[in-house]
Amino acid sequence: MNKEELTQRTAVFKALSDPNRLRIFAELMDGDTCNCELKDKLSLAPNLLSHHLKVLESVGLVSSRRDAVDGRWIYYAANRETVADWHDWLSVFFNPSRIQTRCLCGPEGQLAVSVG
């Protein structure tokens, strides 16, 4: 992982480490919605909800768009492209077959080398 990717991945983990943001994102994985539905469903103050949505949007997990008929309404959605990227990355990152057996560097490892 290069420094840029490490920075991006860390930012997303940091954004999702807040329980309210994780709850919001989980709701958005069920489909597009607006502030009022999220506010009611999650019992969050409007200003707090807006803050959390802005953080999730800043790391690319959430996208927003204005209503085509009444631009005062804003709809939020999980960003499909970002979710697909994370799905692929986590599938590789957490693949148990990546875990290798290595000789330990401490006394236990030295004992194994001298016995073997």
C-alpha atoms as a PDB file:
ATOM      1  CA  MET A   1       0.000   0.000   0.000  1.00  0.00           C
ATOM      2  CA  ASN A   2       1.453   3.366  -0.982  1.00  0.00           C
ATOM      3  CA  LYS A   3       1.202   6.447   1.246  1.00  0.00           C
ATOM      4  CA  GLU A   4      -1.722   7.963  -0.703  1.00  0.00           C
ATOM      5  CA  GLU A   5      -3.792   4.782  -0.532  1.00  0.00           C
ATOM      6  CA  LEU A   6      -2.958   4.377   3.157  1.00  0.00           C
ATOM      7  CA  THR A   7      -4.152   7.939   3.806  1.00  0.00           C
ATOM      8  CA  GLN A   8      -7.406   7.370   1.870  1.00  0.00           C
ATOM      9  CA  ARG A   9      -8.168   4.024   3.526  1.00  0.00           C
ATOM     10  CA  THR A  10      -7.443   5.443   6.969  1.00  0.00           C
ATOM     11  CA  ALA A  11      -9.776   8.406   6.347  1.00  0.00           C
ATOM     12  CA  VAL A  12     -12.659   6.068   5.508  1.00  0.00           C
ATOM     13  CA  PHE A  13     -12.014   3.876   8.555  1.00  0.00           C
ATOM     14  CA  LYS A  14     -11.865   7.028  10.693  1.00  0.00           C
ATOM     15  CA  ALA A  15     -15.150   8.304   9.221  1.00  0.00           C
ATOM     16  CA  LEU A  16     -16.893   4.991   9.886  1.00  0.00           C
ATOM     17  CA  SER A  17     -15.451   4.690  13.400  1.00  0.00           C
ATOM     18  CA  ASP A  18     -18.116   7.073  14.672  1.00  0.00           C
ATOM     19  CA  PRO A  19     -21.219   5.049  15.627  1.00  0.00           C
ATOM     20  CA  ASN A  20     -23.645   7.625  14.212  1.00  0.00           C
ATOM     21  CA  ARG A  21     -21.839   7.751  10.868  1.00  0.00           C
ATOM     22  CA  LEU A  22     -21.816   3.961  10.721  1.00  0.00           C
ATOM     23  CA  ARG A  23     -25.563   3.953  11.422  1.00  0.00           C
ATOM     24  CA  ILE A  24     -26.175   6.586   8.722  1.00  0.00           C
ATOM     25  CA  PHE A  25     -24.109   4.686   6.188  1.00  0.00           C
ATOM     26  CA  ALA A  26     -25.911   1.434   7.022  1.00  0.00           C
ATOM     27  CA  GLU A  27     -29.238   3.174   6.352  1.00  0.00           C
ATOM     28  CA  LEU A  28     -27.964   4.501   3.028  1.00  0.00           C
ATOM     29  CA  MET A  29     -26.955   0.979   2.025  1.00  0.00           C
ATOM     30  CA  ASP A  30     -30.710   0.260   2.114  1.00  0.00           C
ATOM     31  CA  GLY A  31     -31.331   2.950  -0.520  1.00  0.00           C
ATOM     32  CA  ASP A  32     -31.414   6.660  -1.238  1.00  0.00           C
ATOM     33  CA  THR A  33     -33.064   8.910   1.311  1.00  0.00           C
ATOM     34  CA  CYS A  34     -33.375  12.502   2.499  1.00  0.00           C
ATOM     35  CA  ASN A  35     -32.453  14.343   5.690  1.00  0.00           C
ATOM     36  CA  CYS A  36     -35.933  14.156   7.179  1.00  0.00           C
ATOM     37  CA  GLU A  37     -36.174  10.361   6.865  1.00  0.00           C
ATOM     38  CA  LEU A  38     -32.679   9.866   8.299  1.00  0.00           C
ATOM     39  CA  LYS A  39     -33.353  12.329  11.119  1.00  0.00           C
ATOM     40  CA  ASP A  40     -36.543  10.542  12.115  1.00  0.00           C
ATOM     41  CA  LYS A  41     -35.189   7.032  11.745  1.00  0.00           C
ATOM     42  CA  LEU A  42     -31.931   7.680  13.628  1.00  0.00           C
ATOM     43  CA  SER A  43     -33.204  10.303  16.105  1.00  0.00           C
ATOM     44  CA  LEU A  44     -30.402  12.734  15.284  1.00  0.00           C
ATOM     45  CA  ALA A  45     -30.551  16.529  15.412  1.00  0.00           C
ATOM     46  CA  PRO A  46     -30.595  18.037  11.899  1.00  0.00           C
ATOM     47  CA  ASN A  47     -27.291  19.883  12.373  1.00  0.00           C
ATOM     48  CA  LEU A  48     -25.580  16.735  13.703  1.00  0.00           C
ATOM     49  CA  LEU A  49     -26.951  14.663  10.831  1.00  0.00           C
ATOM     50  CA  SER A  50     -25.708  17.227   8.301  1.00  0.00           C
ATOM     51  CA  HIS A  51     -22.260  17.196   9.885  1.00  0.00           C
ATOM     52  CA  HIS A  52     -22.014  13.402   9.708  1.00  0.00           C
ATOM     53  CA  LEU A  53     -23.285  13.311   6.116  1.00  0.00           C
ATOM     54  CA  LYS A  54     -20.666  15.904   5.148  1.00  0.00           C
ATOM     55  CA  VAL A  55     -17.901  13.749   6.678  1.00  0.00           C
ATOM     56  CA  LEU A  56     -19.136  10.634   4.863  1.00  0.00           C
ATOM     57  CA  GLU A  57     -19.374  12.596   1.624  1.00  0.00           C
ATOM     58  CA  SER A  58     -15.855  14.008   2.061  1.00  0.00           C
ATOM     59  CA  VAL A  59     -14.349  10.491   2.065  1.00  0.00           C
ATOM     60  CA  GLY A  60     -16.418   9.408  -0.939  1.00  0.00           C
ATOM     61  CA  LEU A  61     -18.790   6.999   0.798  1.00  0.00           C
ATOM     62  CA  VAL A  62     -21.880   9.132   0.240  1.00  0.00           C
ATOM     63  CA  SER A  63     -23.101  11.192  -2.687  1.00  0.00           C
ATOM     64  CA  SER A  64     -25.860  13.783  -2.728  1.00  0.00           C
ATOM     65  CA  ARG A  65     -28.097  15.355  -5.315  1.00  0.00           C
ATOM     66  CA  ARG A  66     -30.819  17.979  -5.355  1.00  0.00           C
ATOM     67  CA  ASP A  67     -34.408  17.134  -6.232  1.00  0.00           C
ATOM     68  CA  ALA A  68     -35.122  17.833  -9.907  1.00  0.00           C
ATOM     69  CA  VAL A  69     -38.496  19.408  -9.094  1.00  0.00           C
ATOM     70  CA  ASP A  70     -37.734  21.261  -5.853  1.00  0.00           C
ATOM     71  CA  GLY A  71     -34.025  22.001  -5.370  1.00  0.00           C
ATOM     72  CA  ARG A  72     -34.498  22.587  -1.642  1.00  0.00           C
ATOM     73  CA  TRP A  73     -34.668  18.811  -1.184  1.00  0.00           C
ATOM     74  CA  ILE A  74     -31.379  16.908  -1.067  1.00  0.00           C
ATOM     75  CA  TYR A  75     -31.170  13.148  -1.461  1.00  0.00           C
ATOM     76  CA  TYR A  76     -28.277  11.077  -0.124  1.00  0.00           C
ATOM     77  CA  ALA A  77     -27.024   7.732  -1.386  1.00  0.00           C
ATOM     78  CA  ALA A  78     -24.215   5.303  -0.742  1.00  0.00           C
ATOM     79  CA  ASN A  79     -21.657   5.799  -3.518  1.00  0.00           C
ATOM     80  CA  ARG A  80     -21.853   2.511  -5.470  1.00  0.00           C
ATOM     81  CA  GLU A  81     -18.417   2.899  -7.027  1.00  0.00           C
ATOM     82  CA  THR A  82     -16.765   3.495  -3.647  1.00  0.00           C
ATOM     83  CA  VAL A  83     -18.687   0.633  -2.028  1.00  0.00           C
ATOM     84  CA  ALA A  84     -17.595  -1.711  -4.847  1.00  0.00           C
ATOM     85  CA  ASP A  85     -13.973  -0.605  -4.421  1.00  0.00           C
ATOM     86  CA  TRP A  86     -14.112  -1.238  -0.668  1.00  0.00           C
ATOM     87  CA  HIS A  87     -15.784  -4.600  -1.183  1.00  0.00           C
ATOM     88  CA  ASP A  88     -12.957  -5.681  -3.486  1.00  0.00           C
ATOM     89  CA  TRP A  89     -10.208  -4.246  -1.285  1.00  0.00           C
ATOM     90  CA  LEU A  90     -11.534  -5.756   1.945  1.00  0.00           C
ATOM     91  CA  SER A  91     -11.996  -9.134   0.260  1.00  0.00           C
ATOM     92  CA  VAL A  92      -8.291  -9.151  -0.557  1.00  0.00           C
ATOM     93  CA  PHE A  93      -7.080  -7.464   2.641  1.00  0.00           C
ATOM     94  CA  PHE A  94      -8.986  -9.823   4.956  1.00  0.00           C
ATOM     95  CA  ASN A  95      -8.369 -12.964   2.896  1.00  0.00           C
ATOM     96  CA  PRO A  96      -7.147 -15.579   5.425  1.00  0.00           C
ATOM     97  CA  SER A  97      -4.951 -17.205   2.780  1.00  0.00           C
ATOM     98  CA  ARG A  98      -2.711 -14.096   2.928  1.00  0.00           C
ATOM     99  CA  ILE A  99      -1.578 -15.049   6.443  1.00  0.00           C
ATOM    100  CA  GLN A 100       1.797 -16.732   6.185  1.00  0.00           C
ATOM    101  CA  THR A 101       3.723 -18.814   8.690  1.00  0.00           C
ATOM    102  CA  ARG A 102       7.051 -17.191   9.529  1.00  0.00           C
ATOM    103  CA  CYS A 103       9.966 -18.065  11.710  1.00  0.00           C
ATOM    104  CA  LEU A 104       9.883 -15.932  14.857  1.00  0.00           C
ATOM    105  CA  CYS A 105      12.796 -13.557  15.426  1.00  0.00           C
ATOM    106  CA  GLY A 106      12.950 -13.958  19.231  1.00  0.00           C
ATOM    107  CA  PRO A 107      14.308 -16.764  21.410  1.00  0.00           C
ATOM    108  CA  GLU A 108      11.433 -19.101  20.526  1.00  0.00           C
ATOM    109  CA  GLY A 109      12.259 -18.722  16.830  1.00  0.00           C
ATOM    110  CA  GLN A 110      15.977 -19.272  17.429  1.00  0.00           C
ATOM    111  CA  LEU A 111      15.201 -22.447  19.373  1.00  0.00           C
ATOM    112  CA  ALA A 112      13.087 -23.733  16.467  1.00  0.00           C
ATOM    113  CA  VAL A 113      15.962 -23.079  14.012  1.00  0.00           C
ATOM    114  CA  SER A 114      18.541 -24.877  16.195  1.00  0.00           C
ATOM    115  CA  VAL A 115      16.206 -27.875  16.765  1.00  0.00           C
ATOM    116  CA  GLY A 116      15.165 -28.127  13.110  1.00  0.00           C
END
